[in-house]
Amino acid sequence: MDSKRGLRQDVPTRWNSTYLMLESALYYRRAFCHLELTDSNYKSCPSSHEWEKIEKISRFLGLFYDITCIFSGTKYPTSNLYFSSVFFCYVTLKENIESEDDYLRTMANQMLKKFEKYWSEFSLILAIAVVVDPRYKLQLVDWCYRKIYGASGSSEFIRVKSKLFSIFKEYVQKRSLTSSTHSLEKEKSNTSCGVGEDVISFRKTASSILKEFNICEIEELGANTQKSQLELYLEEPRMATEIELNVLDYWKANQFRYPEVASMARDLLSIPISTVASESAFSIGGRVLDQFRSSLKPSTVEAIVCTRDWLFGQREKFEAQLEDVTEDVLSCDINKEESSSQCSNYANTQA
């Protein structure tokens, strides 16, 4: 076998090492069977029934391993990936509690009991984050709950939808207050110096009352005739789920079409879905601040940690460039280079 893959050993404190061990063993299954036939001292080769069991367990753990890699990757994911991944976990556990294999059924039952404890106390904000992904929107949330509870418009879905619109309403109010503050400052700067203080005070009072009237009229008109930015966004056709989409770039490009929704999306997508980033920052900070460097300023420590993250974030790009350069060097014809250099040296000496 032309491969450099090695076998993995199980680590009792890390469940994903069990999956890696089984996956590597399955890759070398034929090699183990061949070793059993050629080496009489090798008596621990799994039987065909055990190999089938290994395949089932590996297939079962593969989904959880992939989701763990997504949540705890070095390039930290945005929160829109959380809801669908957790839903896939729940569906997989539900399917395997009815498995014909006793071992898988027992394992899935034990995992589901612990999983449902967290599922019942799930964070609404992380369920809302998937709505700002144009590939899924509210349709995915409704479909997932319908898949689990068997009815459309479940109480969980209604909670997510009502919370989504209440959060959006806060962003609209915040934006209207910000715009009114800017307009008041502009009027204040445009006020002429020759006007008396009584007139200026009257203008401020009248302006604030008229702005309140305009806001109320706009809200009433919007409630009757116009649709909000969030409703317009949700009514747009969804993008294909197969598209590899950078959701942050999407909202950067659409921030002028839906300014309030884009502002809400940026805040929702920045929520960390795992503790890997914070734990990594603390571990790196512990290596930066040691017994020999214990008096660095917080700004200096922050600069060191951020610089390290930026440099290692570009590692893949640098490694790709290094591979290209290495291939170019290896493809050079050394004899041709030597002959050309000798000719050039001879021409220089004759000159």
Protein backbone atom coordinates (compact mmCIF):
# COMPACT_ATOMS: atom_id res chain seq x y z
CA MET A 1 0.00 0.00 0.00
CA ASP A 2 1.44 3.30 -1.11
CA SER A 3 0.44 5.41 1.88
CA LYS A 4 2.07 7.25 4.73
CA ARG A 5 -0.96 7.09 6.98
CA GLY A 6 -0.28 5.62 10.37
CA LEU A 7 -2.39 3.88 12.98
CA ARG A 8 -3.93 5.89 15.81
CA GLN A 9 -4.12 4.90 19.43
CA ASP A 10 -7.11 5.51 21.65
CA VAL A 11 -6.92 8.19 24.36
CA PRO A 12 -9.33 7.51 27.24
CA THR A 13 -10.01 11.22 27.90
CA ARG A 14 -10.78 12.14 24.28
CA TRP A 15 -13.70 10.44 22.52
CA ASN A 16 -12.68 11.68 19.07
CA SER A 17 -9.48 9.61 19.37
CA THR A 18 -11.72 6.51 19.34
CA TYR A 19 -13.11 7.56 15.97
CA LEU A 20 -9.62 8.24 14.57
CA MET A 21 -8.41 4.86 15.82
CA LEU A 22 -11.31 3.01 14.18
CA GLU A 23 -10.97 4.98 10.94
CA SER A 24 -7.26 4.21 10.61
CA ALA A 25 -7.89 0.52 11.41
CA LEU A 26 -10.57 0.32 8.70
CA TYR A 27 -8.17 1.84 6.19
CA TYR A 28 -5.68 -0.98 6.85
CA ARG A 29 -8.31 -3.73 7.15
CA ARG A 30 -6.93 -5.80 4.28
CA ALA A 31 -3.40 -5.39 5.64
CA PHE A 32 -4.51 -6.82 9.00
CA CYS A 33 -6.23 -9.76 7.28
CA HIS A 34 -3.12 -10.40 5.19
CA LEU A 35 -0.94 -10.28 8.30
CA GLU A 36 -3.16 -12.87 9.97
CA LEU A 37 -2.58 -15.26 7.05
CA THR A 38 1.19 -14.73 6.84
CA ASP A 39 2.14 -14.41 10.52
CA SER A 40 1.15 -17.21 12.87
CA ASN A 41 2.02 -15.07 15.92
CA TYR A 42 -0.60 -12.49 15.03
CA LYS A 43 -3.77 -13.76 16.72
CA SER A 44 -5.66 -10.52 17.50
CA CYS A 45 -7.11 -9.77 14.08
CA PRO A 46 -10.81 -8.79 14.32
CA SER A 47 -13.33 -11.20 12.88
CA SER A 48 -15.69 -10.27 10.03
CA HIS A 49 -18.47 -9.61 12.55
CA GLU A 50 -16.18 -7.31 14.55
CA TRP A 51 -15.16 -5.46 11.38
CA GLU A 52 -18.84 -4.82 10.60
CA LYS A 53 -19.32 -3.52 14.12
CA ILE A 54 -16.31 -1.23 13.74
CA GLU A 55 -17.77 0.15 10.49
CA LYS A 56 -21.10 0.94 12.15
CA ILE A 57 -19.49 2.65 15.13
CA SER A 58 -17.11 4.61 12.93
CA ARG A 59 -19.97 5.77 10.71
CA PHE A 60 -21.96 6.78 13.79
CA LEU A 61 -19.09 8.73 15.38
CA GLY A 62 -18.05 10.32 12.08
CA LEU A 63 -20.82 12.93 12.15
CA PHE A 64 -19.94 14.02 15.69
CA TYR A 65 -16.26 14.20 14.77
CA ASP A 66 -16.99 16.42 11.75
CA ILE A 67 -19.16 18.76 13.82
CA THR A 68 -16.49 18.96 16.52
CA CYS A 69 -13.93 19.95 13.89
CA ILE A 70 -16.29 22.69 12.65
CA PHE A 71 -16.93 24.09 16.14
CA SER A 72 -13.33 23.93 17.36
CA GLY A 73 -11.39 24.71 14.21
CA THR A 74 -8.49 27.11 14.09
CA LYS A 75 -10.52 29.38 11.80
CA TYR A 76 -13.39 30.00 14.18
CA PRO A 77 -16.83 29.60 12.57
CA THR A 78 -19.70 32.07 12.64
CA SER A 79 -22.73 31.24 14.76
CA ASN A 80 -24.99 30.45 11.77
CA LEU A 81 -23.38 26.97 11.63
CA TYR A 82 -24.50 26.03 15.14
CA PHE A 83 -28.21 25.26 14.82
CA SER A 84 -28.05 22.95 11.81
CA SER A 85 -25.09 21.02 13.22
CA VAL A 86 -26.80 20.43 16.56
CA PHE A 87 -29.98 19.41 14.75
CA PHE A 88 -28.06 16.79 12.75
CA CYS A 89 -26.68 15.42 16.02
CA TYR A 90 -30.19 15.14 17.47
CA VAL A 91 -31.60 13.40 14.38
CA THR A 92 -28.68 10.95 14.28
CA LEU A 93 -29.19 10.01 17.92
CA LYS A 94 -32.94 9.62 17.40
CA GLU A 95 -32.36 7.28 14.47
CA ASN A 96 -29.81 5.13 16.26
CA ILE A 97 -31.89 4.50 19.38
CA GLU A 98 -33.97 2.23 17.12
CA SER A 99 -30.94 0.51 15.61
CA GLU A 100 -30.88 -3.28 15.31
CA ASP A 101 -27.38 -3.33 16.77
CA ASP A 102 -27.60 -3.63 20.57
CA TYR A 103 -24.28 -1.90 21.17
CA LEU A 104 -25.17 1.12 18.99
CA ARG A 105 -28.65 1.35 20.52
CA THR A 106 -27.25 1.37 24.07
CA MET A 107 -24.62 3.96 23.21
CA ALA A 108 -27.14 6.21 21.42
CA ASN A 109 -29.57 6.01 24.36
CA GLN A 110 -26.90 7.10 26.82
CA MET A 111 -25.79 9.95 24.56
CA LEU A 112 -29.38 11.09 23.91
CA LYS A 113 -30.18 11.39 27.62
CA LYS A 114 -27.29 13.78 28.11
CA PHE A 115 -28.00 15.58 24.84
CA GLU A 116 -31.66 16.28 25.63
CA LYS A 117 -30.65 17.99 28.86
CA TYR A 118 -28.85 20.63 26.80
CA TRP A 119 -31.42 20.63 23.98
CA SER A 120 -34.22 21.56 26.38
CA GLU A 121 -32.23 24.61 27.53
CA PHE A 122 -30.98 25.70 24.12
CA SER A 123 -30.11 29.32 23.45
CA LEU A 124 -32.67 31.14 21.35
CA ILE A 125 -30.05 33.55 20.07
CA LEU A 126 -28.06 30.72 18.45
CA ALA A 127 -31.22 29.44 16.76
CA ILE A 128 -31.91 32.96 15.49
CA ALA A 129 -28.39 33.23 14.06
CA VAL A 130 -29.19 30.67 11.34
CA VAL A 131 -32.00 32.92 10.06
CA VAL A 132 -29.52 35.57 8.87
CA ASP A 133 -27.92 32.96 6.61
CA PRO A 134 -29.61 33.52 3.20
CA ARG A 135 -29.36 29.80 2.43
CA TYR A 136 -31.63 28.78 5.33
CA LYS A 137 -33.67 31.64 6.87
CA LEU A 138 -36.76 30.75 8.92
CA GLN A 139 -37.63 27.81 6.67
CA LEU A 140 -34.80 25.72 8.13
CA VAL A 141 -35.86 26.39 11.72
CA ASP A 142 -39.46 25.44 10.94
CA TRP A 143 -38.38 22.32 9.03
CA CYS A 144 -36.05 21.17 11.81
CA TYR A 145 -38.68 21.51 14.53
CA ARG A 146 -41.27 19.85 12.30
CA LYS A 147 -38.83 16.98 11.74
CA ILE A 148 -38.34 16.56 15.49
CA TYR A 149 -41.81 17.27 16.90
CA GLY A 150 -43.90 16.26 13.89
CA ALA A 151 -46.01 19.41 13.57
CA SER A 152 -45.63 22.70 11.74
CA GLY A 153 -45.64 25.91 13.78
CA SER A 154 -44.47 24.33 17.04
CA SER A 155 -44.16 26.39 20.20
CA GLU A 156 -40.36 26.34 19.86
CA PHE A 157 -40.55 27.79 16.36
CA ILE A 158 -42.98 30.49 17.49
CA ARG A 159 -40.58 31.45 20.29
CA VAL A 160 -37.69 31.77 17.83
CA LYS A 161 -39.75 33.83 15.38
CA SER A 162 -41.16 36.22 17.99
CA LYS A 163 -37.73 36.72 19.54
CA LEU A 164 -36.24 37.43 16.12
CA PHE A 165 -38.73 40.21 15.39
CA SER A 166 -38.41 41.70 18.88
CA ILE A 167 -34.62 41.90 18.49
CA PHE A 168 -35.02 43.48 15.05
CA LYS A 169 -37.42 46.06 16.52
CA GLU A 170 -34.74 47.09 19.00
CA TYR A 171 -32.26 47.64 16.17
CA VAL A 172 -34.80 49.76 14.27
CA GLN A 173 -35.45 51.92 17.35
CA LYS A 174 -31.74 52.27 17.99
CA ARG A 175 -31.14 53.39 14.42
CA SER A 176 -34.01 55.90 14.49
CA LEU A 177 -32.71 57.40 17.75
CA THR A 178 -29.21 57.66 16.29
CA SER A 179 -30.48 59.39 13.15
CA SER A 180 -32.61 61.84 15.18
CA THR A 181 -29.59 62.68 17.37
CA HIS A 182 -27.50 63.42 14.29
CA SER A 183 -30.21 65.65 12.83
CA LEU A 184 -30.52 67.61 16.11
CA GLU A 185 -26.77 68.17 16.17
CA LYS A 186 -26.89 69.35 12.57
CA GLU A 187 -29.69 71.82 13.34
CA LYS A 188 -27.77 73.09 16.34
CA SER A 189 -24.69 73.72 14.22
CA ASN A 190 -26.76 75.51 11.55
CA THR A 191 -28.47 77.87 14.03
CA SER A 192 -27.48 81.46 13.38
CA CYS A 193 -25.72 83.42 16.12
CA GLY A 194 -28.10 86.37 15.89
CA VAL A 195 -31.21 84.43 17.03
CA GLY A 196 -32.22 84.84 20.66
CA GLU A 197 -32.11 82.06 23.25
CA ASP A 198 -35.93 81.99 23.57
CA VAL A 199 -36.31 81.37 19.84
CA ILE A 200 -33.64 78.65 19.90
CA SER A 201 -35.36 76.93 22.85
CA PHE A 202 -38.73 77.08 21.05
CA ARG A 203 -37.19 75.61 17.89
CA LYS A 204 -35.66 72.73 19.85
CA THR A 205 -38.98 71.94 21.55
CA ALA A 206 -40.95 72.17 18.31
CA SER A 207 -38.37 70.11 16.44
CA SER A 208 -38.43 67.31 19.05
CA ILE A 209 -42.25 67.22 19.09
CA LEU A 210 -42.46 67.15 15.29
CA LYS A 211 -39.85 64.36 15.14
CA GLU A 212 -41.87 62.32 17.64
CA PHE A 213 -44.98 62.92 15.48
CA ASN A 214 -43.13 61.86 12.32
CA ILE A 215 -41.78 58.69 13.96
CA CYS A 216 -45.27 57.71 15.19
CA GLU A 217 -46.77 58.38 11.76
CA ILE A 218 -44.08 56.31 10.04
CA GLU A 219 -44.57 53.43 12.49
CA GLU A 220 -48.34 53.46 11.98
CA LEU A 221 -47.96 53.67 8.21
CA GLY A 222 -45.41 50.87 8.24
CA ALA A 223 -47.67 48.71 10.36
CA ASN A 224 -50.50 49.14 7.89
CA THR A 225 -48.92 49.23 4.45
CA GLN A 226 -45.14 48.86 4.38
CA LYS A 227 -43.09 45.81 5.22
CA SER A 228 -40.01 45.91 7.40
CA GLN A 229 -36.53 45.15 6.14
CA LEU A 230 -36.60 41.84 7.97
CA GLU A 231 -39.85 40.79 6.30
CA LEU A 232 -38.49 41.77 2.88
CA TYR A 233 -35.32 39.77 3.53
CA LEU A 234 -37.27 36.70 4.67
CA GLU A 235 -39.57 36.86 1.63
CA GLU A 236 -36.67 36.84 -0.81
CA PRO A 237 -35.94 33.44 -2.41
CA ARG A 238 -33.35 31.46 -0.51
CA MET A 239 -29.96 30.79 -1.99
CA ALA A 240 -29.03 27.19 -2.81
CA THR A 241 -27.73 25.30 0.22
CA GLU A 242 -24.91 23.81 -1.86
CA ILE A 243 -23.29 27.22 -2.31
CA GLU A 244 -20.12 27.83 -0.31
CA LEU A 245 -21.07 31.19 1.16
CA ASN A 246 -19.10 33.58 3.34
CA VAL A 247 -22.01 35.00 5.27
CA LEU A 248 -20.00 37.99 6.54
CA ASP A 249 -19.15 39.02 2.98
CA TYR A 250 -22.82 38.62 2.04
CA TRP A 251 -23.98 41.09 4.69
CA LYS A 252 -21.16 43.45 3.88
CA ALA A 253 -22.41 43.57 0.30
CA ASN A 254 -26.07 43.98 1.37
CA GLN A 255 -25.62 46.46 4.20
CA PHE A 256 -27.14 49.28 2.14
CA ARG A 257 -30.20 47.27 1.10
CA TYR A 258 -31.00 46.11 4.65
CA PRO A 259 -29.03 48.34 7.06
CA GLU A 260 -30.90 47.30 10.23
CA VAL A 261 -30.84 43.60 9.35
CA ALA A 262 -27.15 43.80 8.44
CA SER A 263 -26.34 45.45 11.77
CA MET A 264 -28.26 42.73 13.62
CA ALA A 265 -26.61 39.99 11.53
CA ARG A 266 -23.09 41.23 12.31
CA ASP A 267 -23.81 41.11 16.04
CA LEU A 268 -25.46 37.68 15.88
CA LEU A 269 -22.76 36.08 13.73
CA SER A 270 -19.97 37.26 16.01
CA ILE A 271 -21.25 35.19 18.96
CA PRO A 272 -18.71 32.41 19.71
CA ILE A 273 -20.26 28.93 19.56
CA SER A 274 -17.44 27.19 21.45
CA THR A 275 -14.93 28.01 24.18
CA VAL A 276 -11.96 27.03 22.03
CA ALA A 277 -11.11 30.62 21.09
CA SER A 278 -11.13 31.91 24.67
CA GLU A 279 -9.26 28.88 26.02
CA SER A 280 -6.66 29.24 23.29
CA ALA A 281 -6.25 32.94 24.10
CA PHE A 282 -5.72 32.17 27.79
CA SER A 283 -3.22 29.40 27.06
CA ILE A 284 -1.28 31.67 24.69
CA GLY A 285 -1.44 34.47 27.23
CA GLY A 286 0.08 32.15 29.80
CA ARG A 287 3.03 31.56 27.50
CA VAL A 288 3.43 35.28 26.82
CA LEU A 289 3.29 36.26 30.48
CA ASP A 290 5.72 33.98 32.32
CA GLN A 291 8.00 34.44 35.33
CA PHE A 292 10.57 36.28 33.21
CA ARG A 293 8.03 38.58 31.48
CA SER A 294 5.45 39.44 34.11
CA SER A 295 5.25 43.25 33.83
CA LEU A 296 4.06 43.70 30.24
CA LYS A 297 1.27 46.20 29.70
CA PRO A 298 -2.14 44.81 28.69
CA SER A 299 -1.93 46.59 25.34
CA THR A 300 1.46 44.93 24.65
CA VAL A 301 0.11 41.47 25.53
CA GLU A 302 -2.92 42.05 23.29
CA ALA A 303 -0.67 43.13 20.40
CA ILE A 304 1.52 40.02 20.77
CA VAL A 305 -1.44 37.62 20.91
CA CYS A 306 -3.21 39.27 17.92
CA THR A 307 -0.02 39.35 15.85
CA ARG A 308 0.57 35.66 16.50
CA ASP A 309 -3.01 34.84 15.46
CA TRP A 310 -2.71 36.88 12.25
CA LEU A 311 0.60 35.27 11.33
CA PHE A 312 -0.56 31.71 11.93
CA GLY A 313 -3.83 32.48 10.13
CA GLN A 314 -1.82 33.06 6.95
CA ARG A 315 0.25 29.89 7.39
CA GLU A 316 -1.66 27.92 4.73
CA LYS A 317 -1.07 30.66 2.17
CA PHE A 318 2.64 30.82 2.94
CA GLU A 319 2.97 27.03 2.86
CA ALA A 320 1.31 26.91 -0.57
CA GLN A 321 3.73 29.50 -1.89
CA LEU A 322 6.65 27.58 -0.40
CA GLU A 323 5.52 24.38 -2.12
CA ASP A 324 5.34 26.18 -5.48
CA VAL A 325 8.83 27.57 -5.05
CA THR A 326 10.16 24.15 -4.02
CA GLU A 327 8.65 22.54 -7.12
CA ASP A 328 10.21 25.21 -9.32
CA VAL A 329 13.63 24.65 -7.77
CA LEU A 330 13.39 20.86 -8.11
CA SER A 331 12.38 21.13 -11.76
CA CYS A 332 15.45 23.15 -12.68
CA ASP A 333 18.08 21.49 -14.90
CA ILE A 334 21.29 21.76 -12.90
CA ASN A 335 23.55 20.78 -15.87
CA LYS A 336 21.92 23.38 -18.08
CA GLU A 337 22.38 26.04 -15.40
CA GLU A 338 26.05 25.09 -14.93
CA SER A 339 26.76 25.17 -18.71
CA SER A 340 25.08 28.56 -19.12
CA SER A 341 27.02 29.99 -16.18
CA GLN A 342 30.29 28.64 -17.59
CA CYS A 343 29.57 30.22 -21.00
CA SER A 344 28.81 33.55 -19.40
CA ASN A 345 32.03 33.41 -17.34
CA TYR A 346 34.06 32.55 -20.47
CA ALA A 347 32.49 35.46 -22.38
CA ASN A 348 33.31 37.83 -19.54
CA THR A 349 36.98 36.72 -19.45
CA GLN A 350 37.32 37.13 -23.26
CA ALA A 351 35.85 40.59 -23.02
